[in-house]
Each structure stands twice: as structure tokens, then as C-alpha cells.
Amino acid sequence: MLSFCEWLEHASWIVTLSKTGWMYQAVEITHYFSLFILVGTSFIVDLRVLGVAARRESVSQISEQLFPWVWTALCLALLSGFIMFATDAADFYPDWVFRTKMAVILIAILFTIIVRMTTRSDLPGTTHTFSKLAAAASLIFWIGAILAAVEIAAISGLG
């Protein structure tokens, strides 16, 4: 896998992108903006499931309104994140903090999917305990993903 990361890092389009300031900045801005949308909309749905936010609307209404934003932002975040990873793939791949971040993000995505599946059709004012536990876990794992991302530079010196 490390040899693939080295090949990816030296691919001509990745080298061009990493050496062209405005191109890399555009990818970086896309990544952070899509993360804000992804995590923000996920938080709103999770907080609604927990009964903290948007109490005037049912969980399924909030879910139906916001999940298209969640999935669009997730796709943009994954694409831009992959491009950012590719510029230093050989350094990021073996790093335990980066791997931890990826694992936490995968778990957060899993819990976001679980929340989505459990909130498709509910009666106004009722939310199952399982949905609430999944929403609480989703919040915790998204916060963990953000903290892990911030700590990559602090602990590993990468990024």
C-alpha cells in the first residue's frame, strides 16, 4: 500500500495541483466548507433526534430537508480530502493519528447512516431510544473526527 501512496503522491496531476497555490487552496477551501456543511447538518439532525433543536418540526421532516446536504457535502469532503491526502500520501498513510482520524470518520459516517435509516418515518414527537443513542454517538464521533484532524499537525507534524 505504501508503494501505491508513493506512486499517487508523484502522479503528474497531483504534483501540478500541489505546486499550484491557487489550485491547492481551492481544494482546501472546498474540503473545509464541505466539512462545515456535513458536520453542521448532521449535528442539526442529531440534535433534533435528541429533542434539543428544531422542536417544531418532526425528525423525519428535518431529516428529509437536510440529508441531501449531508450526502452532497460528504461526497465533496471525500473527494477533496482524497486530493489533499494524495499530495503527501506516503507521509500520511503510515501515521497513526491519520489512521485514527480515518477510522473515527468511518464510524461517524456509519452512525449518520444509522440515524438516517431510523428517522425516515416517525410520528411527530416520538423518537426511538435506538435513534437517540445513534444520534448521540454520531455527535461524539464527528467531534472526535474534528479533534483528530486538528491533532494530526500537532502530534505528527504533518499537514
N, C-alpha and C. Protein backbone atom coordinates (compact mmCIF):
# COMPACT_ATOMS: atom_id res chain seq x y z
N MET A 1 0.82 -1.19 0.00
CA MET A 1 0.00 0.00 0.00
C MET A 1 0.87 1.26 0.00
N LEU A 2 2.00 1.19 0.69
CA LEU A 2 2.88 2.35 0.72
C LEU A 2 3.41 2.67 -0.66
N SER A 3 3.68 1.66 -1.46
CA SER A 3 4.16 1.92 -2.83
C SER A 3 3.08 2.61 -3.66
N PHE A 4 1.82 2.23 -3.45
CA PHE A 4 0.72 2.93 -4.14
C PHE A 4 0.67 4.39 -3.70
N CYS A 5 0.85 4.64 -2.40
CA CYS A 5 0.83 6.02 -1.89
C CYS A 5 1.96 6.85 -2.49
N GLU A 6 3.14 6.23 -2.62
CA GLU A 6 4.27 6.93 -3.25
C GLU A 6 3.98 7.23 -4.71
N TRP A 7 3.40 6.27 -5.41
CA TRP A 7 3.03 6.49 -6.82
C TRP A 7 2.00 7.60 -6.93
N LEU A 8 0.99 7.56 -6.04
CA LEU A 8 -0.07 8.58 -6.06
C LEU A 8 0.50 9.96 -5.81
N GLU A 9 1.38 10.06 -4.85
CA GLU A 9 2.00 11.34 -4.49
C GLU A 9 2.79 11.93 -5.65
N HIS A 10 3.35 11.07 -6.51
CA HIS A 10 4.16 11.54 -7.63
C HIS A 10 3.43 11.57 -8.96
N ALA A 11 2.14 11.29 -8.94
CA ALA A 11 1.34 11.39 -10.17
C ALA A 11 1.39 12.83 -10.67
N SER A 12 1.48 13.01 -11.96
CA SER A 12 1.69 14.36 -12.52
C SER A 12 0.59 15.33 -12.14
N TRP A 13 -0.66 14.91 -12.13
CA TRP A 13 -1.74 15.84 -11.82
C TRP A 13 -1.74 16.23 -10.34
N ILE A 14 -1.28 15.32 -9.46
CA ILE A 14 -1.17 15.64 -8.04
C ILE A 14 -0.01 16.61 -7.81
N VAL A 15 1.11 16.37 -8.47
CA VAL A 15 2.27 17.28 -8.35
C VAL A 15 1.89 18.68 -8.84
N THR A 16 1.22 18.75 -9.98
CA THR A 16 0.79 20.04 -10.52
C THR A 16 -0.13 20.75 -9.54
N LEU A 17 -1.09 20.02 -9.02
CA LEU A 17 -2.04 20.61 -8.09
C LEU A 17 -1.36 21.08 -6.81
N SER A 18 -0.45 20.30 -6.28
CA SER A 18 0.21 20.67 -5.02
C SER A 18 1.17 21.84 -5.19
N LYS A 19 1.71 22.01 -6.38
CA LYS A 19 2.66 23.10 -6.61
C LYS A 19 2.00 24.38 -7.12
N THR A 20 0.73 24.30 -7.47
CA THR A 20 -0.01 25.48 -7.93
C THR A 20 -0.85 25.98 -6.76
N GLY A 21 -0.42 27.06 -6.16
CA GLY A 21 -1.01 27.56 -4.93
C GLY A 21 -2.52 27.73 -4.98
N TRP A 22 -3.03 28.38 -6.00
CA TRP A 22 -4.47 28.64 -6.04
C TRP A 22 -5.27 27.36 -6.21
N MET A 23 -4.72 26.37 -6.92
CA MET A 23 -5.43 25.10 -7.11
C MET A 23 -5.54 24.34 -5.78
N TYR A 24 -4.42 24.27 -5.07
CA TYR A 24 -4.44 23.57 -3.79
C TYR A 24 -5.35 24.30 -2.81
N GLN A 25 -5.29 25.62 -2.81
CA GLN A 25 -6.15 26.39 -1.92
C GLN A 25 -7.63 26.19 -2.24
N ALA A 26 -7.96 26.07 -3.51
CA ALA A 26 -9.35 25.81 -3.91
C ALA A 26 -9.82 24.45 -3.38
N VAL A 27 -8.94 23.45 -3.47
CA VAL A 27 -9.28 22.13 -2.93
C VAL A 27 -9.44 22.20 -1.42
N GLU A 28 -8.54 22.90 -0.77
CA GLU A 28 -8.58 23.03 0.69
C GLU A 28 -9.84 23.75 1.15
N ILE A 29 -10.19 24.83 0.48
CA ILE A 29 -11.41 25.58 0.82
C ILE A 29 -12.64 24.71 0.59
N THR A 30 -12.67 23.98 -0.51
CA THR A 30 -13.78 23.07 -0.78
C THR A 30 -13.90 22.03 0.32
N HIS A 31 -12.76 21.50 0.75
CA HIS A 31 -12.76 20.49 1.80
C HIS A 31 -13.33 21.05 3.10
N TYR A 32 -12.82 22.18 3.55
CA TYR A 32 -13.29 22.74 4.82
C TYR A 32 -14.74 23.19 4.73
N PHE A 33 -15.14 23.80 3.65
CA PHE A 33 -16.52 24.25 3.50
C PHE A 33 -17.47 23.05 3.49
N SER A 34 -17.11 22.00 2.76
CA SER A 34 -17.97 20.82 2.73
C SER A 34 -18.03 20.14 4.09
N LEU A 35 -16.93 20.17 4.84
CA LEU A 35 -16.97 19.63 6.21
C LEU A 35 -17.88 20.43 7.11
N PHE A 36 -17.85 21.76 6.98
CA PHE A 36 -18.76 22.59 7.77
C PHE A 36 -20.21 22.23 7.47
N ILE A 37 -20.53 22.06 6.20
CA ILE A 37 -21.90 21.69 5.81
C ILE A 37 -22.24 20.28 6.32
N LEU A 38 -21.34 19.34 6.11
CA LEU A 38 -21.55 17.95 6.52
C LEU A 38 -21.78 17.83 8.02
N VAL A 39 -20.85 18.36 8.79
CA VAL A 39 -20.94 18.23 10.24
C VAL A 39 -22.09 19.08 10.78
N GLY A 40 -22.27 20.28 10.24
CA GLY A 40 -23.34 21.16 10.71
C GLY A 40 -24.72 20.57 10.49
N THR A 41 -24.97 20.06 9.30
CA THR A 41 -26.28 19.48 9.03
C THR A 41 -26.48 18.18 9.80
N SER A 42 -25.43 17.39 9.94
CA SER A 42 -25.53 16.17 10.75
C SER A 42 -25.85 16.51 12.19
N PHE A 43 -25.20 17.55 12.71
CA PHE A 43 -25.46 17.99 14.09
C PHE A 43 -26.90 18.41 14.26
N ILE A 44 -27.44 19.16 13.31
CA ILE A 44 -28.83 19.62 13.43
C ILE A 44 -29.78 18.43 13.49
N VAL A 45 -29.58 17.46 12.60
CA VAL A 45 -30.43 16.27 12.61
C VAL A 45 -30.25 15.51 13.93
N ASP A 46 -29.00 15.32 14.35
CA ASP A 46 -28.74 14.60 15.60
C ASP A 46 -29.37 15.31 16.80
N LEU A 47 -29.22 16.63 16.83
CA LEU A 47 -29.80 17.38 17.95
C LEU A 47 -31.33 17.34 17.92
N ARG A 48 -31.91 17.30 16.72
CA ARG A 48 -33.37 17.16 16.62
C ARG A 48 -33.81 15.79 17.12
N VAL A 49 -33.08 14.76 16.76
CA VAL A 49 -33.40 13.41 17.24
C VAL A 49 -33.34 13.37 18.76
N LEU A 50 -32.38 14.09 19.33
CA LEU A 50 -32.24 14.13 20.79
C LEU A 50 -33.24 15.07 21.44
N GLY A 51 -34.01 15.81 20.63
CA GLY A 51 -35.04 16.70 21.17
C GLY A 51 -34.52 18.05 21.62
N VAL A 52 -33.34 18.44 21.16
CA VAL A 52 -32.73 19.70 21.58
C VAL A 52 -32.99 20.83 20.59
N ALA A 53 -33.05 20.53 19.31
CA ALA A 53 -33.17 21.57 18.28
C ALA A 53 -34.40 21.33 17.41
N ALA A 54 -34.89 22.40 16.79
CA ALA A 54 -35.96 22.35 15.79
C ALA A 54 -37.15 21.53 16.25
N ARG A 55 -37.64 21.79 17.41
CA ARG A 55 -38.72 21.01 18.01
C ARG A 55 -40.06 21.18 17.30
N ARG A 56 -40.21 22.23 16.52
CA ARG A 56 -41.49 22.46 15.84
C ARG A 56 -41.69 21.53 14.65
N GLU A 57 -40.62 20.96 14.15
CA GLU A 57 -40.71 20.04 13.01
C GLU A 57 -40.41 18.63 13.48
N SER A 58 -40.99 17.68 12.78
CA SER A 58 -40.73 16.28 13.14
C SER A 58 -39.31 15.90 12.73
N VAL A 59 -38.83 14.84 13.31
CA VAL A 59 -37.50 14.34 12.98
C VAL A 59 -37.41 13.99 11.50
N SER A 60 -38.45 13.35 10.98
CA SER A 60 -38.41 12.96 9.58
C SER A 60 -38.41 14.17 8.65
N GLN A 61 -39.11 15.26 9.03
CA GLN A 61 -39.08 16.47 8.20
C GLN A 61 -37.68 17.07 8.15
N ILE A 62 -37.07 17.21 9.30
CA ILE A 62 -35.70 17.75 9.37
C ILE A 62 -34.75 16.85 8.59
N SER A 63 -34.90 15.55 8.79
CA SER A 63 -34.05 14.59 8.11
C SER A 63 -34.20 14.69 6.60
N GLU A 64 -35.43 14.75 6.12
CA GLU A 64 -35.68 14.86 4.68
C GLU A 64 -35.12 16.16 4.10
N GLN A 65 -35.18 17.23 4.85
CA GLN A 65 -34.68 18.52 4.38
C GLN A 65 -33.16 18.58 4.34
N LEU A 66 -32.51 17.99 5.33
CA LEU A 66 -31.07 18.19 5.48
C LEU A 66 -30.20 17.07 4.92
N PHE A 67 -30.70 15.86 4.83
CA PHE A 67 -29.82 14.79 4.39
C PHE A 67 -29.32 14.91 2.96
N PRO A 68 -30.05 15.53 2.02
CA PRO A 68 -29.41 15.77 0.72
C PRO A 68 -28.15 16.64 0.84
N TRP A 69 -28.17 17.58 1.76
CA TRP A 69 -26.98 18.41 2.01
C TRP A 69 -25.87 17.57 2.63
N VAL A 70 -26.23 16.68 3.54
CA VAL A 70 -25.25 15.81 4.19
C VAL A 70 -24.52 14.98 3.13
N TRP A 71 -25.27 14.34 2.24
CA TRP A 71 -24.64 13.44 1.27
C TRP A 71 -23.83 14.19 0.23
N THR A 72 -24.33 15.35 -0.19
CA THR A 72 -23.56 16.17 -1.14
C THR A 72 -22.26 16.64 -0.51
N ALA A 73 -22.35 17.14 0.71
CA ALA A 73 -21.15 17.60 1.41
C ALA A 73 -20.19 16.45 1.68
N LEU A 74 -20.71 15.27 2.00
CA LEU A 74 -19.85 14.11 2.23
C LEU A 74 -19.07 13.76 0.97
N CYS A 75 -19.74 13.76 -0.17
CA CYS A 75 -19.05 13.46 -1.43
C CYS A 75 -17.95 14.47 -1.72
N LEU A 76 -18.25 15.75 -1.54
CA LEU A 76 -17.24 16.80 -1.77
C LEU A 76 -16.09 16.68 -0.77
N ALA A 77 -16.41 16.39 0.48
CA ALA A 77 -15.36 16.26 1.51
C ALA A 77 -14.46 15.05 1.21
N LEU A 78 -15.06 13.96 0.79
CA LEU A 78 -14.25 12.77 0.47
C LEU A 78 -13.35 13.02 -0.74
N LEU A 79 -13.90 13.64 -1.76
CA LEU A 79 -13.10 13.92 -2.96
C LEU A 79 -11.97 14.89 -2.66
N SER A 80 -12.29 16.01 -2.04
CA SER A 80 -11.25 17.00 -1.74
C SER A 80 -10.26 16.47 -0.70
N GLY A 81 -10.75 15.69 0.26
CA GLY A 81 -9.86 15.09 1.25
C GLY A 81 -8.90 14.10 0.63
N PHE A 82 -9.40 13.32 -0.33
CA PHE A 82 -8.52 12.39 -1.04
C PHE A 82 -7.44 13.14 -1.80
N ILE A 83 -7.80 14.23 -2.44
CA ILE A 83 -6.81 15.02 -3.19
C ILE A 83 -5.77 15.61 -2.24
N MET A 84 -6.22 16.11 -1.09
CA MET A 84 -5.28 16.66 -0.10
C MET A 84 -4.37 15.55 0.44
N PHE A 85 -4.94 14.37 0.69
CA PHE A 85 -4.16 13.23 1.14
C PHE A 85 -3.11 12.84 0.09
N ALA A 86 -3.53 12.84 -1.17
CA ALA A 86 -2.65 12.40 -2.26
C ALA A 86 -1.38 13.23 -2.37
N THR A 87 -1.44 14.51 -1.99
CA THR A 87 -0.25 15.36 -2.11
C THR A 87 0.87 14.93 -1.18
N ASP A 88 0.54 14.28 -0.07
CA ASP A 88 1.54 13.77 0.87
C ASP A 88 1.19 12.35 1.33
N ALA A 89 0.71 11.54 0.41
CA ALA A 89 0.18 10.22 0.75
C ALA A 89 1.19 9.33 1.48
N ALA A 90 2.43 9.34 1.05
CA ALA A 90 3.44 8.48 1.66
C ALA A 90 3.73 8.88 3.10
N ASP A 91 3.52 10.15 3.45
CA ASP A 91 3.70 10.59 4.83
C ASP A 91 2.47 10.32 5.68
N PHE A 92 1.28 10.55 5.10
CA PHE A 92 0.05 10.37 5.86
C PHE A 92 -0.28 8.90 6.12
N TYR A 93 -0.08 8.05 5.14
CA TYR A 93 -0.52 6.66 5.24
C TYR A 93 -0.01 5.94 6.49
N PRO A 94 1.28 6.00 6.81
CA PRO A 94 1.74 5.25 7.99
C PRO A 94 1.45 5.95 9.34
N ASP A 95 0.97 7.17 9.31
CA ASP A 95 0.77 7.95 10.53
C ASP A 95 -0.42 7.43 11.33
N TRP A 96 -0.21 7.09 12.60
CA TRP A 96 -1.28 6.52 13.42
C TRP A 96 -2.38 7.52 13.72
N VAL A 97 -2.06 8.80 13.82
CA VAL A 97 -3.09 9.81 14.09
C VAL A 97 -4.00 9.95 12.87
N PHE A 98 -3.42 9.93 11.68
CA PHE A 98 -4.22 9.99 10.46
C PHE A 98 -5.12 8.77 10.34
N ARG A 99 -4.58 7.61 10.64
CA ARG A 99 -5.39 6.38 10.58
C ARG A 99 -6.52 6.42 11.60
N THR A 100 -6.22 6.95 12.78
CA THR A 100 -7.26 7.09 13.80
C THR A 100 -8.36 8.02 13.31
N LYS A 101 -7.96 9.14 12.70
CA LYS A 101 -8.94 10.08 12.15
C LYS A 101 -9.81 9.39 11.11
N MET A 102 -9.22 8.62 10.22
CA MET A 102 -9.99 7.93 9.18
C MET A 102 -10.96 6.93 9.80
N ALA A 103 -10.52 6.22 10.82
CA ALA A 103 -11.39 5.25 11.48
C ALA A 103 -12.57 5.96 12.17
N VAL A 104 -12.28 7.06 12.84
CA VAL A 104 -13.34 7.80 13.52
C VAL A 104 -14.32 8.39 12.50
N ILE A 105 -13.83 8.87 11.38
CA ILE A 105 -14.72 9.39 10.33
C ILE A 105 -15.61 8.27 9.78
N LEU A 106 -15.04 7.11 9.55
CA LEU A 106 -15.85 5.98 9.07
C LEU A 106 -16.95 5.63 10.06
N ILE A 107 -16.63 5.62 11.33
CA ILE A 107 -17.63 5.31 12.36
C ILE A 107 -18.69 6.42 12.40
N ALA A 108 -18.26 7.68 12.28
CA ALA A 108 -19.21 8.80 12.28
C ALA A 108 -20.15 8.69 11.08
N ILE A 109 -19.62 8.35 9.92
CA ILE A 109 -20.46 8.17 8.73
C ILE A 109 -21.45 7.02 8.96
N LEU A 110 -20.98 5.94 9.55
CA LEU A 110 -21.85 4.81 9.84
C LEU A 110 -23.01 5.22 10.74
N PHE A 111 -22.72 5.97 11.80
CA PHE A 111 -23.78 6.41 12.70
C PHE A 111 -24.70 7.43 12.03
N THR A 112 -24.16 8.24 11.12
CA THR A 112 -25.01 9.16 10.36
C THR A 112 -25.98 8.37 9.49
N ILE A 113 -25.51 7.30 8.88
CA ILE A 113 -26.39 6.45 8.07
C ILE A 113 -27.44 5.78 8.95
N ILE A 114 -27.04 5.33 10.12
CA ILE A 114 -28.00 4.70 11.04
C ILE A 114 -29.07 5.71 11.44
N VAL A 115 -28.66 6.93 11.76
CA VAL A 115 -29.63 7.97 12.12
C VAL A 115 -30.59 8.19 10.96
N ARG A 116 -30.05 8.26 9.75
CA ARG A 116 -30.90 8.47 8.58
C ARG A 116 -31.90 7.33 8.41
N MET A 117 -31.44 6.12 8.58
CA MET A 117 -32.32 4.97 8.40
C MET A 117 -33.40 4.90 9.48
N THR A 118 -33.08 5.32 10.68
CA THR A 118 -34.05 5.22 11.78
C THR A 118 -34.98 6.42 11.86
N THR A 119 -34.75 7.44 11.05
CA THR A 119 -35.60 8.64 11.12
C THR A 119 -36.44 8.84 9.86
N ARG A 120 -36.51 7.87 9.02
CA ARG A 120 -37.26 8.02 7.76
C ARG A 120 -38.74 8.27 7.98
N SER A 121 -39.35 7.52 8.84
CA SER A 121 -40.79 7.73 9.08
C SER A 121 -41.07 7.60 10.57
N ASP A 122 -41.33 8.71 11.17
CA ASP A 122 -41.65 8.69 12.59
C ASP A 122 -42.91 9.52 12.82
N LEU A 123 -43.55 9.27 13.91
CA LEU A 123 -44.69 10.08 14.30
C LEU A 123 -44.15 11.33 14.98
N PRO A 124 -44.76 12.50 14.73
CA PRO A 124 -44.28 13.72 15.37
C PRO A 124 -44.21 13.55 16.88
N GLY A 125 -43.08 13.94 17.43
CA GLY A 125 -42.91 13.90 18.88
C GLY A 125 -42.40 12.59 19.43
N THR A 126 -42.22 11.57 18.59
CA THR A 126 -41.72 10.29 19.08
C THR A 126 -40.41 9.95 18.39
N THR A 127 -39.47 9.53 19.17
CA THR A 127 -38.19 9.08 18.63
C THR A 127 -37.76 7.88 19.45
N HIS A 128 -37.37 6.84 18.79
CA HIS A 128 -36.96 5.62 19.47
C HIS A 128 -35.65 5.82 20.21
N THR A 129 -35.46 5.06 21.27
CA THR A 129 -34.25 5.13 22.07
C THR A 129 -33.02 4.81 21.22
N PHE A 130 -33.16 3.83 20.33
CA PHE A 130 -32.04 3.46 19.45
C PHE A 130 -31.62 4.64 18.59
N SER A 131 -32.58 5.39 18.06
CA SER A 131 -32.27 6.57 17.24
C SER A 131 -31.53 7.61 18.07
N LYS A 132 -31.97 7.78 19.30
CA LYS A 132 -31.31 8.76 20.18
C LYS A 132 -29.87 8.34 20.50
N LEU A 133 -29.67 7.06 20.75
CA LEU A 133 -28.31 6.57 21.00
C LEU A 133 -27.43 6.74 19.77
N ALA A 134 -27.99 6.45 18.60
CA ALA A 134 -27.23 6.61 17.35
C ALA A 134 -26.90 8.08 17.11
N ALA A 135 -27.84 8.97 17.39
CA ALA A 135 -27.60 10.40 17.22
C ALA A 135 -26.52 10.90 18.19
N ALA A 136 -26.58 10.44 19.43
CA ALA A 136 -25.55 10.83 20.41
C ALA A 136 -24.18 10.31 19.98
N ALA A 137 -24.13 9.07 19.50
CA ALA A 137 -22.87 8.51 19.02
C ALA A 137 -22.36 9.28 17.81
N SER A 138 -23.26 9.64 16.91
CA SER A 138 -22.88 10.42 15.74
C SER A 138 -22.24 11.74 16.15
N LEU A 139 -22.87 12.44 17.08
CA LEU A 139 -22.29 13.70 17.58
C LEU A 139 -20.89 13.48 18.15
N ILE A 140 -20.75 12.48 18.97
CA ILE A 140 -19.46 12.20 19.61
C ILE A 140 -18.39 11.87 18.57
N PHE A 141 -18.73 11.05 17.60
CA PHE A 141 -17.73 10.65 16.61
C PHE A 141 -17.38 11.78 15.65
N TRP A 142 -18.34 12.64 15.29
CA TRP A 142 -17.99 13.80 14.45
C TRP A 142 -17.08 14.75 15.21
N ILE A 143 -17.35 14.96 16.48
CA ILE A 143 -16.46 15.80 17.30
C ILE A 143 -15.08 15.15 17.38
N GLY A 144 -15.05 13.84 17.57
CA GLY A 144 -13.78 13.12 17.60
C GLY A 144 -13.01 13.23 16.30
N ALA A 145 -13.72 13.19 15.17
CA ALA A 145 -13.06 13.33 13.87
C ALA A 145 -12.43 14.70 13.72
N ILE A 146 -13.15 15.72 14.16
CA ILE A 146 -12.61 17.08 14.09
C ILE A 146 -11.37 17.20 14.97
N LEU A 147 -11.45 16.69 16.18
CA LEU A 147 -10.30 16.76 17.09
C LEU A 147 -9.11 15.97 16.55
N ALA A 148 -9.36 14.81 15.99
CA ALA A 148 -8.27 14.01 15.41
C ALA A 148 -7.63 14.75 14.24
N ALA A 149 -8.44 15.40 13.43
CA ALA A 149 -7.90 16.15 12.28
C ALA A 149 -7.01 17.30 12.75
N VAL A 150 -7.42 17.96 13.79
CA VAL A 150 -6.63 19.08 14.32
C VAL A 150 -5.32 18.57 14.92
N GLU A 151 -5.37 17.41 15.53
CA GLU A 151 -4.19 16.87 16.22
C GLU A 151 -3.15 16.26 15.28
N ILE A 152 -3.50 16.01 14.03
CA ILE A 152 -2.51 15.45 13.10
C ILE A 152 -1.29 16.37 13.03
N ALA A 153 -1.53 17.65 12.83
CA ALA A 153 -0.42 18.60 12.74
C ALA A 153 0.31 18.73 14.08
N ALA A 154 -0.44 18.76 15.17
CA ALA A 154 0.17 18.95 16.49
C ALA A 154 1.01 17.76 16.91
N ILE A 155 0.52 16.56 16.68
CA ILE A 155 1.22 15.35 17.15
C ILE A 155 2.24 14.86 16.13
N SER A 156 1.84 14.81 14.87
CA SER A 156 2.69 14.22 13.84
C SER A 156 3.54 15.21 13.07
N GLY A 157 3.13 16.47 13.09
CA GLY A 157 3.84 17.47 12.30
C GLY A 157 3.48 17.44 10.83
N LEU A 158 2.43 16.71 10.48
CA LEU A 158 2.00 16.63 9.09
C LEU A 158 0.89 17.64 8.84
N GLY A 159 0.71 17.99 7.60
CA GLY A 159 -0.41 18.84 7.22
C GLY A 159 -0.14 20.30 7.19
